[in-house]
PDB file of all heavy atoms in Angstrom:
ATOM      1  N   MET A   1    -148.685  -5.696  44.786  1.00  0.00           N
ATOM      2  CA  MET A   1    -148.532  -4.387  45.436  1.00  0.00           C
ATOM      3  C   MET A   1    -147.268  -3.724  45.260  1.00  0.00           C
ATOM      4  O   MET A   1    -147.019  -2.600  45.702  1.00  0.00           O
ATOM      5  CB  MET A   1    -148.749  -4.651  47.000  1.00  0.00           C
ATOM      6  CG  MET A   1    -147.715  -5.486  47.615  1.00  0.00           C
ATOM      7  SD  MET A   1    -147.948  -5.710  49.405  1.00  0.00           S
ATOM      8  CE  MET A   1    -149.497  -6.562  49.436  1.00  0.00           C
ATOM      9  N   ASN A   2    -146.331  -4.392  44.557  1.00  0.00           N
ATOM     10  CA  ASN A   2    -145.018  -3.757  44.240  1.00  0.00           C
ATOM     11  C   ASN A   2    -144.370  -4.502  43.138  1.00  0.00           C
ATOM     12  O   ASN A   2    -144.879  -5.610  42.758  1.00  0.00           O
ATOM     13  CB  ASN A   2    -144.160  -3.708  45.498  1.00  0.00           C
ATOM     14  CG  ASN A   2    -143.964  -5.055  46.209  1.00  0.00           C
ATOM     15  OD1 ASN A   2    -143.540  -6.004  45.550  1.00  0.00           O
ATOM     16  ND2 ASN A   2    -144.233  -5.069  47.540  1.00  0.00           N
ATOM     17  N   GLY A   3    -143.228  -4.082  42.691  1.00  0.00           N
ATOM     18  CA  GLY A   3    -142.518  -4.769  41.539  1.00  0.00           C
ATOM     19  C   GLY A   3    -142.041  -6.131  41.895  1.00  0.00           C
ATOM     20  O   GLY A   3    -142.087  -7.040  41.014  1.00  0.00           O
ATOM     21  N   LEU A   4    -141.499  -6.380  43.074  1.00  0.00           N
ATOM     22  CA  LEU A   4    -141.018  -7.702  43.483  1.00  0.00           C
ATOM     23  C   LEU A   4    -142.170  -8.710  43.459  1.00  0.00           C
ATOM     24  O   LEU A   4    -142.040  -9.865  42.970  1.00  0.00           O
ATOM     25  CB  LEU A   4    -140.423  -7.628  44.820  1.00  0.00           C
ATOM     26  CG  LEU A   4    -139.047  -7.003  44.941  1.00  0.00           C
ATOM     27  CD1 LEU A   4    -138.541  -6.969  46.401  1.00  0.00           C
ATOM     28  CD2 LEU A   4    -137.968  -7.773  44.046  1.00  0.00           C
ATOM     29  N   GLU A   5    -143.291  -8.342  44.027  1.00  0.00           N
ATOM     30  CA  GLU A   5    -144.416  -9.226  43.978  1.00  0.00           C
ATOM     31  C   GLU A   5    -144.965  -9.478  42.518  1.00  0.00           C
ATOM     32  O   GLU A   5    -145.358 -10.577  42.266  1.00  0.00           O
ATOM     33  CB  GLU A   5    -145.561  -8.678  44.830  1.00  0.00           C
ATOM     34  CG  GLU A   5    -146.800  -9.664  44.910  1.00  0.00           C
ATOM     35  CD  GLU A   5    -147.861  -9.127  45.756  1.00  0.00           C
ATOM     36  OE1 GLU A   5    -147.991  -7.929  46.039  1.00  0.00           O
ATOM     37  OE2 GLU A   5    -148.733  -9.944  46.250  1.00  0.00           O
ATOM     38  N   ALA A   6    -144.905  -8.469  41.775  1.00  0.00           N
ATOM     39  CA  ALA A   6    -145.257  -8.633  40.298  1.00  0.00           C
ATOM     40  C   ALA A   6    -144.476  -9.627  39.635  1.00  0.00           C
ATOM     41  O   ALA A   6    -144.954 -10.495  38.815  1.00  0.00           O
ATOM     42  CB  ALA A   6    -145.193  -7.291  39.568  1.00  0.00           C
ATOM     43  N   LEU A   7    -143.116  -9.581  39.843  1.00  0.00           N
ATOM     44  CA  LEU A   7    -142.206 -10.620  39.250  1.00  0.00           C
ATOM     45  C   LEU A   7    -142.522 -11.965  39.770  1.00  0.00           C
ATOM     46  O   LEU A   7    -142.477 -12.986  38.946  1.00  0.00           O
ATOM     47  CB  LEU A   7    -140.782 -10.209  39.470  1.00  0.00           C
ATOM     48  CG  LEU A   7    -140.308  -8.978  38.760  1.00  0.00           C
ATOM     49  CD1 LEU A   7    -138.888  -8.608  39.248  1.00  0.00           C
ATOM     50  CD2 LEU A   7    -140.384  -9.044  37.276  1.00  0.00           C
ATOM     51  N   ARG A   8    -142.841 -12.033  41.009  1.00  0.00           N
ATOM     52  CA  ARG A   8    -143.195 -13.408  41.603  1.00  0.00           C
ATOM     53  C   ARG A   8    -144.446 -13.957  40.986  1.00  0.00           C
ATOM     54  O   ARG A   8    -144.485 -15.132  40.624  1.00  0.00           O
ATOM     55  CB  ARG A   8    -143.297 -13.272  43.146  1.00  0.00           C
ATOM     56  CG  ARG A   8    -143.693 -14.667  43.808  1.00  0.00           C
ATOM     57  CD  ARG A   8    -143.832 -14.483  45.324  1.00  0.00           C
ATOM     58  NE  ARG A   8    -144.827 -13.464  45.668  1.00  0.00           N
ATOM     59  CZ  ARG A   8    -146.180 -13.695  45.635  1.00  0.00           C
ATOM     60  NH1 ARG A   8    -146.581 -14.897  45.184  1.00  0.00           N
ATOM     61  NH2 ARG A   8    -147.030 -12.777  45.945  1.00  0.00           N
ATOM     62  N   VAL A   9    -145.429 -13.087  40.895  1.00  0.00           N
ATOM     63  CA  VAL A   9    -146.749 -13.503  40.363  1.00  0.00           C
ATOM     64  C   VAL A   9    -146.560 -13.889  38.883  1.00  0.00           C
ATOM     65  O   VAL A   9    -147.142 -14.864  38.446  1.00  0.00           O
ATOM     66  CB  VAL A   9    -147.764 -12.343  40.462  1.00  0.00           C
ATOM     67  CG1 VAL A   9    -148.970 -12.628  39.611  1.00  0.00           C
ATOM     68  CG2 VAL A   9    -148.115 -12.086  41.895  1.00  0.00           C
ATOM     69  N   SER A  10    -145.760 -13.111  38.091  1.00  0.00           N
ATOM     70  CA  SER A  10    -145.538 -13.487  36.777  1.00  0.00           C
ATOM     71  C   SER A  10    -144.886 -14.870  36.561  1.00  0.00           C
ATOM     72  O   SER A  10    -145.225 -15.626  35.768  1.00  0.00           O
ATOM     73  CB  SER A  10    -144.668 -12.344  36.119  1.00  0.00           C
ATOM     74  OG  SER A  10    -144.371 -12.774  34.777  1.00  0.00           O
ATOM     75  N   GLU A  11    -143.965 -15.149  37.525  1.00  0.00           N
ATOM     76  CA  GLU A  11    -143.217 -16.460  37.441  1.00  0.00           C
ATOM     77  C   GLU A  11    -144.254 -17.562  37.795  1.00  0.00           C
ATOM     78  O   GLU A  11    -144.312 -18.630  37.157  1.00  0.00           O
ATOM     79  CB  GLU A  11    -142.120 -16.489  38.456  1.00  0.00           C
ATOM     80  CG  GLU A  11    -141.338 -17.760  38.503  1.00  0.00           C
ATOM     81  CD  GLU A  11    -140.648 -18.129  37.164  1.00  0.00           C
ATOM     82  OE1 GLU A  11    -140.306 -17.113  36.419  1.00  0.00           O
ATOM     83  OE2 GLU A  11    -140.465 -19.308  36.891  1.00  0.00           O
ATOM     84  N   GLU A  12    -145.158 -17.301  38.769  1.00  0.00           N
ATOM     85  CA  GLU A  12    -146.130 -18.334  39.126  1.00  0.00           C
ATOM     86  C   GLU A  12    -147.109 -18.567  38.020  1.00  0.00           C
ATOM     87  O   GLU A  12    -147.673 -19.631  37.934  1.00  0.00           O
ATOM     88  CB  GLU A  12    -146.863 -17.948  40.417  1.00  0.00           C
ATOM     89  CG  GLU A  12    -145.978 -17.914  41.673  1.00  0.00           C
ATOM     90  CD  GLU A  12    -146.714 -17.348  42.862  1.00  0.00           C
ATOM     91  OE1 GLU A  12    -147.851 -16.893  42.630  1.00  0.00           O
ATOM     92  OE2 GLU A  12    -146.090 -17.435  43.991  1.00  0.00           O
ATOM     93  N   CYS A  13    -147.314 -17.511  37.203  1.00  0.00           N
ATOM     94  CA  CYS A  13    -148.296 -17.653  36.093  1.00  0.00           C
ATOM     95  C   CYS A  13    -147.568 -17.760  34.771  1.00  0.00           C
ATOM     96  O   CYS A  13    -148.066 -17.230  33.766  1.00  0.00           O
ATOM     97  CB  CYS A  13    -149.288 -16.443  36.087  1.00  0.00           C
ATOM     98  SG  CYS A  13    -150.182 -16.179  37.656  1.00  0.00           S
ATOM     99  N   ARG A  14    -146.432 -18.342  34.739  1.00  0.00           N
ATOM    100  CA  ARG A  14    -145.524 -18.330  33.553  1.00  0.00           C
ATOM    101  C   ARG A  14    -146.293 -18.953  32.377  1.00  0.00           C
ATOM    102  O   ARG A  14    -146.063 -18.543  31.228  1.00  0.00           O
ATOM    103  CB  ARG A  14    -144.262 -19.238  33.842  1.00  0.00           C
ATOM    104  CG  ARG A  14    -143.385 -19.362  32.647  1.00  0.00           C
ATOM    105  CD  ARG A  14    -142.158 -20.157  32.994  1.00  0.00           C
ATOM    106  NE  ARG A  14    -141.220 -19.390  33.788  1.00  0.00           N
ATOM    107  CZ  ARG A  14    -140.261 -18.676  33.224  1.00  0.00           C
ATOM    108  NH1 ARG A  14    -140.107 -18.555  31.905  1.00  0.00           N
ATOM    109  NH2 ARG A  14    -139.366 -17.984  33.942  1.00  0.00           N
ATOM    110  N   ASP A  15    -147.155 -19.972  32.638  1.00  0.00           N
ATOM    111  CA  ASP A  15    -147.932 -20.607  31.527  1.00  0.00           C
ATOM    112  C   ASP A  15    -149.180 -19.819  31.142  1.00  0.00           C
ATOM    113  O   ASP A  15    -149.811 -20.189  30.292  1.00  0.00           O
ATOM    114  CB  ASP A  15    -148.294 -22.026  31.935  1.00  0.00           C
ATOM    115  CG  ASP A  15    -147.099 -22.844  32.137  1.00  0.00           C
ATOM    116  OD1 ASP A  15    -145.995 -22.653  31.510  1.00  0.00           O
ATOM    117  OD2 ASP A  15    -147.081 -23.809  32.873  1.00  0.00           O
ATOM    118  N   GLN A  16    -149.495 -18.767  31.894  1.00  0.00           N
ATOM    119  CA  GLN A  16    -150.707 -17.986  31.595  1.00  0.00           C
ATOM    120  C   GLN A  16    -150.326 -16.717  30.812  1.00  0.00           C
ATOM    121  O   GLN A  16    -149.336 -16.103  31.125  1.00  0.00           O
ATOM    122  CB  GLN A  16    -151.416 -17.583  32.870  1.00  0.00           C
ATOM    123  CG  GLN A  16    -152.628 -16.718  32.678  1.00  0.00           C
ATOM    124  CD  GLN A  16    -153.313 -16.328  33.991  1.00  0.00           C
ATOM    125  OE1 GLN A  16    -152.846 -16.835  35.026  1.00  0.00           O
ATOM    126  NE2 GLN A  16    -154.357 -15.517  33.911  1.00  0.00           N
ATOM    127  N   HIS A  17    -151.046 -16.472  29.756  1.00  0.00           N
ATOM    128  CA  HIS A  17    -150.765 -15.221  28.953  1.00  0.00           C
ATOM    129  C   HIS A  17    -151.310 -14.006  29.726  1.00  0.00           C
ATOM    130  O   HIS A  17    -152.365 -13.948  30.180  1.00  0.00           O
ATOM    131  CB  HIS A  17    -151.500 -15.308  27.648  1.00  0.00           C
ATOM    132  CG  HIS A  17    -151.183 -14.155  26.729  1.00  0.00           C
ATOM    133  ND1 HIS A  17    -149.877 -13.932  26.240  1.00  0.00           N
ATOM    134  CD2 HIS A  17    -151.963 -13.118  26.389  1.00  0.00           C
ATOM    135  CE1 HIS A  17    -149.964 -12.855  25.473  1.00  0.00           C
ATOM    136  NE2 HIS A  17    -151.079 -12.358  25.467  1.00  0.00           N
ATOM    137  N   ILE A  18    -150.397 -13.010  29.805  1.00  0.00           N
ATOM    138  CA  ILE A  18    -150.697 -11.750  30.434  1.00  0.00           C
ATOM    139  C   ILE A  18    -150.649 -10.638  29.326  1.00  0.00           C
ATOM    140  O   ILE A  18    -149.637 -10.501  28.649  1.00  0.00           O
ATOM    141  CB  ILE A  18    -149.806 -11.302  31.588  1.00  0.00           C
ATOM    142  CG1 ILE A  18    -149.868 -12.284  32.699  1.00  0.00           C
ATOM    143  CG2 ILE A  18    -150.064  -9.911  32.094  1.00  0.00           C
ATOM    144  CD1 ILE A  18    -148.930 -12.007  33.870  1.00  0.00           C
ATOM    145  N   ASP A  19    -151.790 -10.034  29.079  1.00  0.00           N
ATOM    146  CA  ASP A  19    -151.918  -9.142  27.882  1.00  0.00           C
ATOM    147  C   ASP A  19    -151.286  -7.764  28.021  1.00  0.00           C
ATOM    148  O   ASP A  19    -150.895  -7.202  27.029  1.00  0.00           O
ATOM    149  CB  ASP A  19    -153.381  -9.011  27.506  1.00  0.00           C
ATOM    150  CG  ASP A  19    -154.003 -10.370  27.075  1.00  0.00           C
ATOM    151  OD1 ASP A  19    -153.873 -10.720  25.917  1.00  0.00           O
ATOM    152  OD2 ASP A  19    -154.596 -10.970  27.932  1.00  0.00           O
ATOM    153  N   ILE A  20    -151.326  -7.286  29.305  1.00  0.00           N
ATOM    154  CA  ILE A  20    -150.766  -5.937  29.469  1.00  0.00           C
ATOM    155  C   ILE A  20    -150.308  -5.734  30.916  1.00  0.00           C
ATOM    156  O   ILE A  20    -150.955  -6.293  31.822  1.00  0.00           O
ATOM    157  CB  ILE A  20    -151.776  -4.856  29.007  1.00  0.00           C
ATOM    158  CG1 ILE A  20    -151.188  -3.453  29.159  1.00  0.00           C
ATOM    159  CG2 ILE A  20    -153.048  -4.939  29.935  1.00  0.00           C
ATOM    160  CD1 ILE A  20    -152.047  -2.328  28.582  1.00  0.00           C
ATOM    161  N   LEU A  21    -149.263  -5.009  31.048  1.00  0.00           N
ATOM    162  CA  LEU A  21    -148.766  -4.576  32.404  1.00  0.00           C
ATOM    163  C   LEU A  21    -149.255  -3.166  32.689  1.00  0.00           C
ATOM    164  O   LEU A  21    -148.978  -2.257  31.859  1.00  0.00           O
ATOM    165  CB  LEU A  21    -147.230  -4.647  32.507  1.00  0.00           C
ATOM    166  CG  LEU A  21    -146.627  -4.050  33.731  1.00  0.00           C
ATOM    167  CD1 LEU A  21    -146.923  -4.778  34.974  1.00  0.00           C
ATOM    168  CD2 LEU A  21    -145.086  -3.962  33.508  1.00  0.00           C
ATOM    169  N   VAL A  22    -149.931  -2.948  33.802  1.00  0.00           N
ATOM    170  CA  VAL A  22    -150.289  -1.625  34.282  1.00  0.00           C
ATOM    171  C   VAL A  22    -149.518  -1.344  35.565  1.00  0.00           C
ATOM    172  O   VAL A  22    -149.774  -2.014  36.486  1.00  0.00           O
ATOM    173  CB  VAL A  22    -151.781  -1.430  34.471  1.00  0.00           C
ATOM    174  CG1 VAL A  22    -152.101  -0.006  34.947  1.00  0.00           C
ATOM    175  CG2 VAL A  22    -152.542  -1.700  33.171  1.00  0.00           C
ATOM    176  N   THR A  23    -148.592  -0.353  35.538  1.00  0.00           N
ATOM    177  CA  THR A  23    -147.726  -0.261  36.727  1.00  0.00           C
ATOM    178  C   THR A  23    -147.490   1.217  37.104  1.00  0.00           C
ATOM    179  O   THR A  23    -147.344   2.067  36.203  1.00  0.00           O
ATOM    180  CB  THR A  23    -146.402  -0.899  36.564  1.00  0.00           C
ATOM    181  OG1 THR A  23    -145.594  -0.721  37.731  1.00  0.00           O
ATOM    182  CG2 THR A  23    -145.676  -0.445  35.394  1.00  0.00           C
ATOM    183  N   ASP A  24    -147.481   1.497  38.402  1.00  0.00           N
ATOM    184  CA  ASP A  24    -147.039   2.799  38.855  1.00  0.00           C
ATOM    185  C   ASP A  24    -145.632   2.968  38.612  1.00  0.00           C
ATOM    186  O   ASP A  24    -144.902   1.996  38.530  1.00  0.00           O
ATOM    187  CB  ASP A  24    -147.317   2.856  40.432  1.00  0.00           C
ATOM    188  CG  ASP A  24    -147.123   4.271  40.922  1.00  0.00           C
ATOM    189  OD1 ASP A  24    -147.094   5.310  40.120  1.00  0.00           O
ATOM    190  OD2 ASP A  24    -147.029   4.367  42.165  1.00  0.00           O
ATOM    191  N   VAL A  25    -145.184   4.228  38.318  1.00  0.00           N
ATOM    192  CA  VAL A  25    -143.720   4.420  37.992  1.00  0.00           C
ATOM    193  C   VAL A  25    -142.924   4.371  39.165  1.00  0.00           C
ATOM    194  O   VAL A  25    -141.841   3.696  39.189  1.00  0.00           O
ATOM    195  CB  VAL A  25    -143.579   5.868  37.313  1.00  0.00           C
ATOM    196  CG1 VAL A  25    -142.144   6.085  37.081  1.00  0.00           C
ATOM    197  CG2 VAL A  25    -144.341   5.817  35.935  1.00  0.00           C
ATOM    198  N   THR A  26    -143.292   5.041  40.299  1.00  0.00           N
ATOM    199  CA  THR A  26    -142.460   5.105  41.504  1.00  0.00           C
ATOM    200  C   THR A  26    -142.942   4.178  42.516  1.00  0.00           C
ATOM    201  O   THR A  26    -144.058   4.380  43.049  1.00  0.00           O
ATOM    202  CB  THR A  26    -142.424   6.497  41.990  1.00  0.00           C
ATOM    203  OG1 THR A  26    -142.005   7.487  40.983  1.00  0.00           O
ATOM    204  CG2 THR A  26    -141.476   6.707  43.203  1.00  0.00           C
ATOM    205  N   MET A  27    -142.201   3.153  42.846  1.00  0.00           N
ATOM    206  CA  MET A  27    -142.490   2.151  43.866  1.00  0.00           C
ATOM    207  C   MET A  27    -141.283   1.801  44.660  1.00  0.00           C
ATOM    208  O   MET A  27    -140.128   1.930  44.111  1.00  0.00           O
ATOM    209  CB  MET A  27    -143.159   0.959  43.301  1.00  0.00           C
ATOM    210  CG  MET A  27    -144.462   1.188  42.548  1.00  0.00           C
ATOM    211  SD  MET A  27    -145.216  -0.319  41.876  1.00  0.00           S
ATOM    212  CE  MET A  27    -143.955  -0.810  40.626  1.00  0.00           C
ATOM    213  N   PRO A  28    -141.368   1.321  45.918  1.00  0.00           N
ATOM    214  CA  PRO A  28    -140.197   0.858  46.643  1.00  0.00           C
ATOM    215  C   PRO A  28    -139.535  -0.257  46.051  1.00  0.00           C
ATOM    216  O   PRO A  28    -140.210  -1.188  45.371  1.00  0.00           O
ATOM    217  CB  PRO A  28    -140.799   0.485  47.989  1.00  0.00           C
ATOM    218  CG  PRO A  28    -142.138   1.160  48.125  1.00  0.00           C
ATOM    219  CD  PRO A  28    -142.585   1.234  46.691  1.00  0.00           C
ATOM    220  N   LYS A  29    -138.239  -0.340  46.127  1.00  0.00           N
ATOM    221  CA  LYS A  29    -137.399  -1.506  45.698  1.00  0.00           C
ATOM    222  C   LYS A  29    -137.321  -1.597  44.113  1.00  0.00           C
ATOM    223  O   LYS A  29    -136.163  -1.494  43.625  1.00  0.00           O
ATOM    224  CB  LYS A  29    -137.882  -2.790  46.228  1.00  0.00           C
ATOM    225  CG  LYS A  29    -137.868  -2.801  47.782  1.00  0.00           C
ATOM    226  CD  LYS A  29    -138.358  -4.138  48.365  1.00  0.00           C
ATOM    227  CE  LYS A  29    -138.334  -4.143  49.927  1.00  0.00           C
ATOM    228  NZ  LYS A  29    -138.824  -5.344  50.517  1.00  0.00           N
ATOM    229  N   ILE A  30    -138.405  -1.810  43.457  1.00  0.00           N
ATOM    230  CA  ILE A  30    -138.355  -1.912  41.989  1.00  0.00           C
ATOM    231  C   ILE A  30    -139.433  -0.991  41.449  1.00  0.00           C
ATOM    232  O   ILE A  30    -140.627  -1.097  41.701  1.00  0.00           O
ATOM    233  CB  ILE A  30    -138.616  -3.384  41.534  1.00  0.00           C
ATOM    234  CG1 ILE A  30    -137.490  -4.323  41.984  1.00  0.00           C
ATOM    235  CG2 ILE A  30    -138.741  -3.391  40.041  1.00  0.00           C
ATOM    236  CD1 ILE A  30    -137.677  -5.727  41.512  1.00  0.00           C
TER     237      ILE A  30
END
């Protein structure tokens, strides 16, 4: 739901390949 959560999810899935990031430009915090 936001950039901070995305970084946390990415860290939790460190061993999983993520093919593409789709992100809104303007979000709170990050």
